[in-house]
PDB file of all heavy atoms in Angstrom:
ATOM      1  N   GLY A   1      -5.397  -5.671 -24.731  1.00  0.00           N
ATOM      2  CA  GLY A   1      -4.503  -6.800 -24.909  1.00  0.00           C
ATOM      3  C   GLY A   1      -3.951  -6.884 -26.323  1.00  0.00           C
ATOM      4  O   GLY A   1      -4.386  -6.172 -27.233  1.00  0.00           O
ATOM      5  N   ARG A   2      -2.966  -7.796 -26.492  1.00  0.00           N
ATOM      6  CA  ARG A   2      -2.402  -8.012 -27.832  1.00  0.00           C
ATOM      7  C   ARG A   2      -3.449  -8.591 -28.763  1.00  0.00           C
ATOM      8  O   ARG A   2      -3.475  -8.296 -29.954  1.00  0.00           O
ATOM      9  CB  ARG A   2      -1.200  -8.960 -27.718  1.00  0.00           C
ATOM     10  CG  ARG A   2      -0.538  -9.294 -29.059  1.00  0.00           C
ATOM     11  CD  ARG A   2       0.677 -10.159 -28.854  1.00  0.00           C
ATOM     12  NE  ARG A   2       0.317 -11.474 -28.333  1.00  0.00           N
ATOM     13  CZ  ARG A   2      -0.001 -12.513 -29.106  1.00  0.00           C
ATOM     14  NH1 ARG A   2      -0.058 -12.368 -30.428  1.00  0.00           N
ATOM     15  NH2 ARG A   2      -0.296 -13.671 -28.570  1.00  0.00           N
ATOM     16  N   ARG A   3      -4.343  -9.403 -28.182  1.00  0.00           N
ATOM     17  CA  ARG A   3      -5.396 -10.048 -28.962  1.00  0.00           C
ATOM     18  C   ARG A   3      -6.559 -10.329 -28.013  1.00  0.00           C
ATOM     19  O   ARG A   3      -6.383 -10.424 -26.798  1.00  0.00           O
ATOM     20  CB  ARG A   3      -4.878 -11.352 -29.572  1.00  0.00           C
ATOM     21  CG  ARG A   3      -5.891 -12.074 -30.456  1.00  0.00           C
ATOM     22  CD  ARG A   3      -5.233 -13.202 -31.217  1.00  0.00           C
ATOM     23  NE  ARG A   3      -4.568 -14.143 -30.322  1.00  0.00           N
ATOM     24  CZ  ARG A   3      -3.810 -15.154 -30.738  1.00  0.00           C
ATOM     25  NH1 ARG A   3      -3.606 -15.327 -32.039  1.00  0.00           N
ATOM     26  NH2 ARG A   3      -3.240 -15.969 -29.882  1.00  0.00           N
ATOM     27  N   ASN A   4      -7.752 -10.476 -28.571  1.00  0.00           N
ATOM     28  CA  ASN A   4      -8.938 -10.719 -27.761  1.00  0.00           C
ATOM     29  C   ASN A   4      -9.610 -12.015 -28.179  1.00  0.00           C
ATOM     30  O   ASN A   4      -9.681 -12.340 -29.371  1.00  0.00           O
ATOM     31  CB  ASN A   4      -9.940  -9.565 -27.902  1.00  0.00           C
ATOM     32  CG  ASN A   4      -9.364  -8.256 -27.408  1.00  0.00           C
ATOM     33  OD1 ASN A   4      -9.129  -8.078 -26.220  1.00  0.00           O
ATOM     34  ND2 ASN A   4      -9.122  -7.330 -28.336  1.00  0.00           N
ATOM     35  N   LEU A   5     -10.113 -12.751 -27.192  1.00  0.00           N
ATOM     36  CA  LEU A   5     -10.868 -13.966 -27.440  1.00  0.00           C
ATOM     37  C   LEU A   5     -12.204 -13.814 -26.724  1.00  0.00           C
ATOM     38  O   LEU A   5     -12.264 -13.749 -25.493  1.00  0.00           O
ATOM     39  CB  LEU A   5     -10.109 -15.186 -26.908  1.00  0.00           C
ATOM     40  CG  LEU A   5     -10.751 -16.564 -27.122  1.00  0.00           C
ATOM     41  CD1 LEU A   5     -11.020 -16.815 -28.600  1.00  0.00           C
ATOM     42  CD2 LEU A   5      -9.841 -17.658 -26.558  1.00  0.00           C
ATOM     43  N   TYR A   6     -13.287 -13.719 -27.507  1.00  0.00           N
ATOM     44  CA  TYR A   6     -14.622 -13.483 -26.949  1.00  0.00           C
ATOM     45  C   TYR A   6     -15.365 -14.817 -26.837  1.00  0.00           C
ATOM     46  O   TYR A   6     -15.621 -15.477 -27.845  1.00  0.00           O
ATOM     47  CB  TYR A   6     -15.404 -12.520 -27.835  1.00  0.00           C
ATOM     48  CG  TYR A   6     -14.776 -11.141 -27.923  1.00  0.00           C
ATOM     49  CD1 TYR A   6     -13.908 -10.830 -28.965  1.00  0.00           C
ATOM     50  CD2 TYR A   6     -15.042 -10.176 -26.966  1.00  0.00           C
ATOM     51  CE1 TYR A   6     -13.316  -9.572 -29.045  1.00  0.00           C
ATOM     52  CE2 TYR A   6     -14.474  -8.918 -27.036  1.00  0.00           C
ATOM     53  CZ  TYR A   6     -13.603  -8.614 -28.071  1.00  0.00           C
ATOM     54  OH  TYR A   6     -13.028  -7.372 -28.140  1.00  0.00           O
ATOM     55  N   LEU A   7     -15.693 -15.188 -25.608  1.00  0.00           N
ATOM     56  CA  LEU A   7     -16.400 -16.439 -25.329  1.00  0.00           C
ATOM     57  C   LEU A   7     -17.690 -16.086 -24.594  1.00  0.00           C
ATOM     58  O   LEU A   7     -17.770 -16.159 -23.365  1.00  0.00           O
ATOM     59  CB  LEU A   7     -15.527 -17.371 -24.476  1.00  0.00           C
ATOM     60  CG  LEU A   7     -14.180 -17.750 -25.110  1.00  0.00           C
ATOM     61  CD1 LEU A   7     -13.295 -18.458 -24.097  1.00  0.00           C
ATOM     62  CD2 LEU A   7     -14.401 -18.637 -26.330  1.00  0.00           C
ATOM     63  N   ASN A   8     -18.689 -15.703 -25.345  1.00  0.00           N
ATOM     64  CA  ASN A   8     -19.902 -15.140 -24.752  1.00  0.00           C
ATOM     65  C   ASN A   8     -20.858 -16.181 -24.185  1.00  0.00           C
ATOM     66  O   ASN A   8     -21.984 -15.851 -23.823  1.00  0.00           O
ATOM     67  CB  ASN A   8     -20.633 -14.285 -25.796  1.00  0.00           C
ATOM     68  CG  ASN A   8     -19.797 -13.087 -26.221  1.00  0.00           C
ATOM     69  OD1 ASN A   8     -19.058 -12.526 -25.418  1.00  0.00           O
ATOM     70  ND2 ASN A   8     -19.897 -12.707 -27.477  1.00  0.00           N
ATOM     71  N   THR A   9     -20.421 -17.436 -24.131  1.00  0.00           N
ATOM     72  CA  THR A   9     -21.307 -18.478 -23.595  1.00  0.00           C
ATOM     73  C   THR A   9     -21.223 -18.603 -22.084  1.00  0.00           C
ATOM     74  O   THR A   9     -21.970 -19.374 -21.493  1.00  0.00           O
ATOM     75  CB  THR A   9     -20.969 -19.829 -24.231  1.00  0.00           C
ATOM     76  OG1 THR A   9     -19.566 -20.070 -24.096  1.00  0.00           O
ATOM     77  CG2 THR A   9     -21.350 -19.844 -25.689  1.00  0.00           C
ATOM     78  N   GLY A  10     -20.314 -17.861 -21.433  1.00  0.00           N
ATOM     79  CA  GLY A  10     -20.302 -17.876 -19.975  1.00  0.00           C
ATOM     80  C   GLY A  10     -18.911 -18.008 -19.382  1.00  0.00           C
ATOM     81  O   GLY A  10     -17.929 -18.330 -20.063  1.00  0.00           O
ATOM     82  N   TYR A  11     -18.846 -17.767 -18.065  1.00  0.00           N
ATOM     83  CA  TYR A  11     -17.565 -17.765 -17.363  1.00  0.00           C
ATOM     84  C   TYR A  11     -16.951 -19.157 -17.265  1.00  0.00           C
ATOM     85  O   TYR A  11     -15.742 -19.280 -17.047  1.00  0.00           O
ATOM     86  CB  TYR A  11     -17.736 -17.172 -15.963  1.00  0.00           C
ATOM     87  CG  TYR A  11     -17.898 -15.671 -15.966  1.00  0.00           C
ATOM     88  CD1 TYR A  11     -19.146 -15.097 -15.817  1.00  0.00           C
ATOM     89  CD2 TYR A  11     -16.800 -14.830 -16.129  1.00  0.00           C
ATOM     90  CE1 TYR A  11     -19.303 -13.711 -15.837  1.00  0.00           C
ATOM     91  CE2 TYR A  11     -16.940 -13.460 -16.154  1.00  0.00           C
ATOM     92  CZ  TYR A  11     -18.202 -12.899 -16.010  1.00  0.00           C
ATOM     93  OH  TYR A  11     -18.347 -11.546 -16.036  1.00  0.00           O
ATOM     94  N   HIS A  12     -17.770 -20.210 -17.396  1.00  0.00           N
ATOM     95  CA  HIS A  12     -17.200 -21.549 -17.321  1.00  0.00           C
ATOM     96  C   HIS A  12     -16.211 -21.788 -18.461  1.00  0.00           C
ATOM     97  O   HIS A  12     -15.177 -22.435 -18.272  1.00  0.00           O
ATOM     98  CB  HIS A  12     -18.296 -22.612 -17.328  1.00  0.00           C
ATOM     99  CG  HIS A  12     -19.198 -22.563 -18.515  1.00  0.00           C
ATOM    100  ND1 HIS A  12     -20.003 -21.486 -18.807  1.00  0.00           N
ATOM    101  CD2 HIS A  12     -19.417 -23.481 -19.501  1.00  0.00           C
ATOM    102  CE1 HIS A  12     -20.679 -21.732 -19.913  1.00  0.00           C
ATOM    103  NE2 HIS A  12     -20.347 -22.919 -20.359  1.00  0.00           N
ATOM    104  N   LEU A  13     -16.496 -21.236 -19.653  1.00  0.00           N
ATOM    105  CA  LEU A  13     -15.555 -21.374 -20.774  1.00  0.00           C
ATOM    106  C   LEU A  13     -14.343 -20.478 -20.593  1.00  0.00           C
ATOM    107  O   LEU A  13     -13.237 -20.833 -21.005  1.00  0.00           O
ATOM    108  CB  LEU A  13     -16.253 -21.053 -22.094  1.00  0.00           C
ATOM    109  CG  LEU A  13     -17.076 -22.177 -22.728  1.00  0.00           C
ATOM    110  CD1 LEU A  13     -17.583 -21.760 -24.093  1.00  0.00           C
ATOM    111  CD2 LEU A  13     -16.267 -23.455 -22.841  1.00  0.00           C
ATOM    112  N   ILE A  14     -14.550 -19.304 -19.991  1.00  0.00           N
ATOM    113  CA  ILE A  14     -13.407 -18.435 -19.699  1.00  0.00           C
ATOM    114  C   ILE A  14     -12.441 -19.164 -18.775  1.00  0.00           C
ATOM    115  O   ILE A  14     -11.225 -19.207 -19.009  1.00  0.00           O
ATOM    116  CB  ILE A  14     -13.875 -17.117 -19.045  1.00  0.00           C
ATOM    117  CG1 ILE A  14     -14.807 -16.341 -19.984  1.00  0.00           C
ATOM    118  CG2 ILE A  14     -12.676 -16.264 -18.644  1.00  0.00           C
ATOM    119  CD1 ILE A  14     -14.144 -15.842 -21.243  1.00  0.00           C
ATOM    120  N   LEU A  15     -12.974 -19.761 -17.717  1.00  0.00           N
ATOM    121  CA  LEU A  15     -12.127 -20.458 -16.750  1.00  0.00           C
ATOM    122  C   LEU A  15     -11.427 -21.653 -17.386  1.00  0.00           C
ATOM    123  O   LEU A  15     -10.231 -21.888 -17.152  1.00  0.00           O
ATOM    124  CB  LEU A  15     -12.977 -20.895 -15.554  1.00  0.00           C
ATOM    125  CG  LEU A  15     -12.246 -21.418 -14.319  1.00  0.00           C
ATOM    126  CD1 LEU A  15     -11.152 -20.460 -13.871  1.00  0.00           C
ATOM    127  CD2 LEU A  15     -13.237 -21.656 -13.196  1.00  0.00           C
ATOM    128  N   ASP A  16     -12.129 -22.393 -18.207  1.00  0.00           N
ATOM    129  CA  ASP A  16     -11.509 -23.532 -18.881  1.00  0.00           C
ATOM    130  C   ASP A  16     -10.403 -23.066 -19.823  1.00  0.00           C
ATOM    131  O   ASP A  16      -9.344 -23.700 -19.919  1.00  0.00           O
ATOM    132  CB  ASP A  16     -12.575 -24.310 -19.657  1.00  0.00           C
ATOM    133  CG  ASP A  16     -12.038 -25.623 -20.219  1.00  0.00           C
ATOM    134  OD1 ASP A  16     -11.417 -26.386 -19.454  1.00  0.00           O
ATOM    135  OD2 ASP A  16     -12.233 -25.882 -21.420  1.00  0.00           O
ATOM    136  N   SER A  17     -10.626 -21.946 -20.501  1.00  0.00           N
ATOM    137  CA  SER A  17      -9.607 -21.412 -21.413  1.00  0.00           C
ATOM    138  C   SER A  17      -8.386 -20.913 -20.653  1.00  0.00           C
ATOM    139  O   SER A  17      -7.253 -21.042 -21.132  1.00  0.00           O
ATOM    140  CB  SER A  17     -10.210 -20.270 -22.242  1.00  0.00           C
ATOM    141  OG  SER A  17     -11.280 -20.729 -23.028  1.00  0.00           O
ATOM    142  N   ILE A  18      -8.604 -20.348 -19.475  1.00  0.00           N
ATOM    143  CA  ILE A  18      -7.473 -19.922 -18.638  1.00  0.00           C
ATOM    144  C   ILE A  18      -6.641 -21.136 -18.244  1.00  0.00           C
ATOM    145  O   ILE A  18      -5.404 -21.118 -18.343  1.00  0.00           O
ATOM    146  CB  ILE A  18      -7.975 -19.185 -17.382  1.00  0.00           C
ATOM    147  CG1 ILE A  18      -8.628 -17.860 -17.760  1.00  0.00           C
ATOM    148  CG2 ILE A  18      -6.824 -18.944 -16.403  1.00  0.00           C
ATOM    149  CD1 ILE A  18      -9.343 -17.169 -16.607  1.00  0.00           C
ATOM    150  N   ARG A  19      -7.303 -22.193 -17.805  1.00  0.00           N
ATOM    151  CA  ARG A  19      -6.578 -23.408 -17.394  1.00  0.00           C
ATOM    152  C   ARG A  19      -5.748 -23.979 -18.534  1.00  0.00           C
ATOM    153  O   ARG A  19      -4.682 -24.555 -18.319  1.00  0.00           O
ATOM    154  CB  ARG A  19      -7.573 -24.448 -16.898  1.00  0.00           C
ATOM    155  CG  ARG A  19      -8.302 -24.076 -15.610  1.00  0.00           C
ATOM    156  CD  ARG A  19      -9.235 -25.197 -15.189  1.00  0.00           C
ATOM    157  NE  ARG A  19      -9.976 -24.888 -13.981  1.00  0.00           N
ATOM    158  CZ  ARG A  19     -11.293 -24.845 -13.894  1.00  0.00           C
ATOM    159  NH1 ARG A  19     -12.040 -25.090 -14.969  1.00  0.00           N
ATOM    160  NH2 ARG A  19     -11.888 -24.572 -12.744  1.00  0.00           N
ATOM    161  N   ARG A  20      -6.251 -23.819 -19.763  1.00  0.00           N
ATOM    162  CA  ARG A  20      -5.534 -24.344 -20.929  1.00  0.00           C
ATOM    163  C   ARG A  20      -4.457 -23.392 -21.447  1.00  0.00           C
ATOM    164  O   ARG A  20      -3.805 -23.678 -22.443  1.00  0.00           O
ATOM    165  CB  ARG A  20      -6.529 -24.655 -22.051  1.00  0.00           C
ATOM    166  CG  ARG A  20      -7.514 -25.749 -21.697  1.00  0.00           C
ATOM    167  CD  ARG A  20      -8.582 -25.908 -22.766  1.00  0.00           C
ATOM    168  NE  ARG A  20      -9.596 -26.870 -22.368  1.00  0.00           N
ATOM    169  CZ  ARG A  20      -9.514 -28.180 -22.558  1.00  0.00           C
ATOM    170  NH1 ARG A  20      -8.440 -28.683 -23.160  1.00  0.00           N
ATOM    171  NH2 ARG A  20     -10.470 -28.982 -22.165  1.00  0.00           N
ATOM    172  N   GLY A  21      -4.288 -22.258 -20.790  1.00  0.00           N
ATOM    173  CA  GLY A  21      -3.241 -21.326 -21.176  1.00  0.00           C
ATOM    174  C   GLY A  21      -3.542 -20.488 -22.394  1.00  0.00           C
ATOM    175  O   GLY A  21      -2.623 -19.944 -23.033  1.00  0.00           O
ATOM    176  N   LEU A  22      -4.831 -20.335 -22.742  1.00  0.00           N
ATOM    177  CA  LEU A  22      -5.190 -19.582 -23.939  1.00  0.00           C
ATOM    178  C   LEU A  22      -5.113 -18.074 -23.740  1.00  0.00           C
ATOM    179  O   LEU A  22      -5.092 -17.329 -24.719  1.00  0.00           O
ATOM    180  CB  LEU A  22      -6.606 -19.967 -24.391  1.00  0.00           C
ATOM    181  CG  LEU A  22      -6.803 -21.414 -24.833  1.00  0.00           C
ATOM    182  CD1 LEU A  22      -8.238 -21.625 -25.310  1.00  0.00           C
ATOM    183  CD2 LEU A  22      -5.815 -21.788 -25.935  1.00  0.00           C
ATOM    184  N   GLY A  23      -5.111 -17.628 -22.496  1.00  0.00           N
ATOM    185  CA  GLY A  23      -5.059 -16.190 -22.262  1.00  0.00           C
ATOM    186  C   GLY A  23      -5.325 -15.866 -20.810  1.00  0.00           C
ATOM    187  O   GLY A  23      -5.299 -16.740 -19.932  1.00  0.00           O
ATOM    188  N   ILE A  24      -5.587 -14.580 -20.574  1.00  0.00           N
ATOM    189  CA  ILE A  24      -5.827 -14.056 -19.227  1.00  0.00           C
ATOM    190  C   ILE A  24      -7.287 -13.622 -19.139  1.00  0.00           C
ATOM    191  O   ILE A  24      -7.794 -12.933 -20.026  1.00  0.00           O
ATOM    192  CB  ILE A  24      -4.907 -12.857 -18.937  1.00  0.00           C
ATOM    193  CG1 ILE A  24      -3.443 -13.276 -19.087  1.00  0.00           C
ATOM    194  CG2 ILE A  24      -5.163 -12.296 -17.536  1.00  0.00           C
ATOM    195  CD1 ILE A  24      -2.469 -12.104 -19.133  1.00  0.00           C
ATOM    196  N   GLY A  25      -7.974 -14.040 -18.093  1.00  0.00           N
ATOM    197  CA  GLY A  25      -9.385 -13.705 -17.949  1.00  0.00           C
ATOM    198  C   GLY A  25      -9.690 -13.114 -16.594  1.00  0.00           C
ATOM    199  O   GLY A  25      -8.916 -13.256 -15.632  1.00  0.00           O
ATOM    200  N   LEU A  26     -10.838 -12.448 -16.511  1.00  0.00           N
ATOM    201  CA  LEU A  26     -11.330 -11.904 -15.248  1.00  0.00           C
ATOM    202  C   LEU A  26     -12.328 -12.898 -14.652  1.00  0.00           C
ATOM    203  O   LEU A  26     -13.344 -13.216 -15.277  1.00  0.00           O
ATOM    204  CB  LEU A  26     -12.014 -10.553 -15.471  1.00  0.00           C
ATOM    205  CG  LEU A  26     -11.100  -9.381 -15.828  1.00  0.00           C
ATOM    206  CD1 LEU A  26     -11.932  -8.173 -16.240  1.00  0.00           C
ATOM    207  CD2 LEU A  26     -10.182  -9.024 -14.658  1.00  0.00           C
ATOM    208  N   ILE A  27     -12.047 -13.373 -13.454  1.00  0.00           N
ATOM    209  CA  ILE A  27     -12.879 -14.387 -12.800  1.00  0.00           C
ATOM    210  C   ILE A  27     -13.152 -13.939 -11.366  1.00  0.00           C
ATOM    211  O   ILE A  27     -12.270 -13.391 -10.691  1.00  0.00           O
ATOM    212  CB  ILE A  27     -12.188 -15.768 -12.787  1.00  0.00           C
ATOM    213  CG1 ILE A  27     -11.993 -16.272 -14.216  1.00  0.00           C
ATOM    214  CG2 ILE A  27     -12.980 -16.780 -11.976  1.00  0.00           C
ATOM    215  CD1 ILE A  27     -13.265 -16.633 -14.938  1.00  0.00           C
ATOM    216  N   ALA A  28     -14.371 -14.183 -10.890  1.00  0.00           N
ATOM    217  CA  ALA A  28     -14.720 -13.854  -9.507  1.00  0.00           C
ATOM    218  C   ALA A  28     -13.870 -14.675  -8.545  1.00  0.00           C
ATOM    219  O   ALA A  28     -13.767 -15.896  -8.664  1.00  0.00           O
ATOM    220  CB  ALA A  28     -16.203 -14.106  -9.261  1.00  0.00           C
ATOM    221  N   LYS A  29     -13.278 -13.988  -7.591  1.00  0.00           N
ATOM    222  CA  LYS A  29     -12.399 -14.632  -6.617  1.00  0.00           C
ATOM    223  C   LYS A  29     -13.099 -15.773  -5.896  1.00  0.00           C
ATOM    224  O   LYS A  29     -12.501 -16.812  -5.615  1.00  0.00           O
ATOM    225  CB  LYS A  29     -11.913 -13.596  -5.615  1.00  0.00           C
ATOM    226  CG  LYS A  29     -10.977 -14.130  -4.535  1.00  0.00           C
ATOM    227  CD  LYS A  29     -10.593 -13.037  -3.570  1.00  0.00           C
ATOM    228  CE  LYS A  29      -9.676 -13.574  -2.465  1.00  0.00           C
ATOM    229  NZ  LYS A  29      -9.346 -12.518  -1.475  1.00  0.00           N
ATOM    230  N   ARG A  30     -14.384 -15.601  -5.602  1.00  0.00           N
ATOM    231  CA  ARG A  30     -15.155 -16.605  -4.864  1.00  0.00           C
ATOM    232  C   ARG A  30     -15.101 -17.981  -5.536  1.00  0.00           C
ATOM    233  O   ARG A  30     -15.120 -19.011  -4.861  1.00  0.00           O
ATOM    234  CB  ARG A  30     -16.607 -16.139  -4.782  1.00  0.00           C
ATOM    235  CG  ARG A  30     -17.565 -17.112  -4.150  1.00  0.00           C
ATOM    236  CD  ARG A  30     -18.971 -16.582  -4.204  1.00  0.00           C
ATOM    237  NE  ARG A  30     -19.077 -15.274  -3.599  1.00  0.00           N
ATOM    238  CZ  ARG A  30     -19.177 -15.048  -2.290  1.00  0.00           C
ATOM    239  NH1 ARG A  30     -19.186 -16.069  -1.462  1.00  0.00           N
ATOM    240  NH2 ARG A  30     -19.266 -13.827  -1.830  1.00  0.00           N
ATOM    241  N   PHE A  31     -15.031 -17.999  -6.869  1.00  0.00           N
ATOM    242  CA  PHE A  31     -15.134 -19.250  -7.604  1.00  0.00           C
ATOM    243  C   PHE A  31     -13.811 -20.005  -7.733  1.00  0.00           C
ATOM    244  O   PHE A  31     -13.808 -21.159  -8.179  1.00  0.00           O
ATOM    245  CB  PHE A  31     -15.688 -19.002  -9.001  1.00  0.00           C
ATOM    246  CG  PHE A  31     -17.072 -18.404  -9.013  1.00  0.00           C
ATOM    247  CD1 PHE A  31     -17.493 -17.610 -10.064  1.00  0.00           C
ATOM    248  CD2 PHE A  31     -17.951 -18.632  -7.966  1.00  0.00           C
ATOM    249  CE1 PHE A  31     -18.766 -17.058 -10.073  1.00  0.00           C
ATOM    250  CE2 PHE A  31     -19.226 -18.087  -7.965  1.00  0.00           C
ATOM    251  CZ  PHE A  31     -19.625 -17.300  -9.025  1.00  0.00           C
ATOM    252  N   ILE A  32     -12.700 -19.375  -7.403  1.00  0.00           N
ATOM    253  CA  ILE A  32     -11.399 -19.989  -7.684  1.00  0.00           C
ATOM    254  C   ILE A  32     -10.454 -19.963  -6.491  1.00  0.00           C
ATOM    255  O   ILE A  32      -9.251 -20.175  -6.657  1.00  0.00           O
ATOM    256  CB  ILE A  32     -10.726 -19.272  -8.882  1.00  0.00           C
ATOM    257  CG1 ILE A  32     -10.670 -17.750  -8.636  1.00  0.00           C
ATOM    258  CG2 ILE A  32     -11.432 -19.590 -10.176  1.00  0.00           C
ATOM    259  CD1 ILE A  32      -9.883 -16.999  -9.689  1.00  0.00           C
ATOM    260  N   GLU A  33     -10.973 -19.726  -5.287  1.00  0.00           N
ATOM    261  CA  GLU A  33     -10.092 -19.598  -4.130  1.00  0.00           C
ATOM    262  C   GLU A  33      -9.286 -20.872  -3.876  1.00  0.00           C
ATOM    263  O   GLU A  33      -8.111 -20.804  -3.510  1.00  0.00           O
ATOM    264  CB  GLU A  33     -10.912 -19.210  -2.897  1.00  0.00           C
ATOM    265  CG  GLU A  33     -11.406 -17.763  -2.967  1.00  0.00           C
ATOM    266  CD  GLU A  33     -12.182 -17.349  -1.726  1.00  0.00           C
ATOM    267  OE1 GLU A  33     -12.835 -18.219  -1.134  1.00  0.00           O
ATOM    268  OE2 GLU A  33     -12.113 -16.170  -1.370  1.00  0.00           O
ATOM    269  N   ARG A  34      -9.909 -22.043  -4.062  1.00  0.00           N
ATOM    270  CA  ARG A  34      -9.189 -23.297  -3.844  1.00  0.00           C
ATOM    271  C   ARG A  34      -8.040 -23.448  -4.845  1.00  0.00           C
ATOM    272  O   ARG A  34      -6.942 -23.887  -4.492  1.00  0.00           O
ATOM    273  CB  ARG A  34     -10.145 -24.485  -3.955  1.00  0.00           C
ATOM    274  CG  ARG A  34     -11.177 -24.580  -2.827  1.00  0.00           C
ATOM    275  CD  ARG A  34     -11.868 -25.938  -2.883  1.00  0.00           C
ATOM    276  NE  ARG A  34     -12.902 -26.076  -1.872  1.00  0.00           N
ATOM    277  CZ  ARG A  34     -14.184 -25.868  -2.072  1.00  0.00           C
ATOM    278  NH1 ARG A  34     -14.607 -25.496  -3.269  1.00  0.00           N
ATOM    279  NH2 ARG A  34     -15.071 -26.024  -1.099  1.00  0.00           N
TER     280      ARG A  34
END
């Protein structure tokens, strides 16, 4: 990527950061189908 943001405290912060538009993350499909 152009830049990296490392959030090693867990996927919950990755998902929250995605919702806030901070970047693109890899998330398990099972957790976000809705």
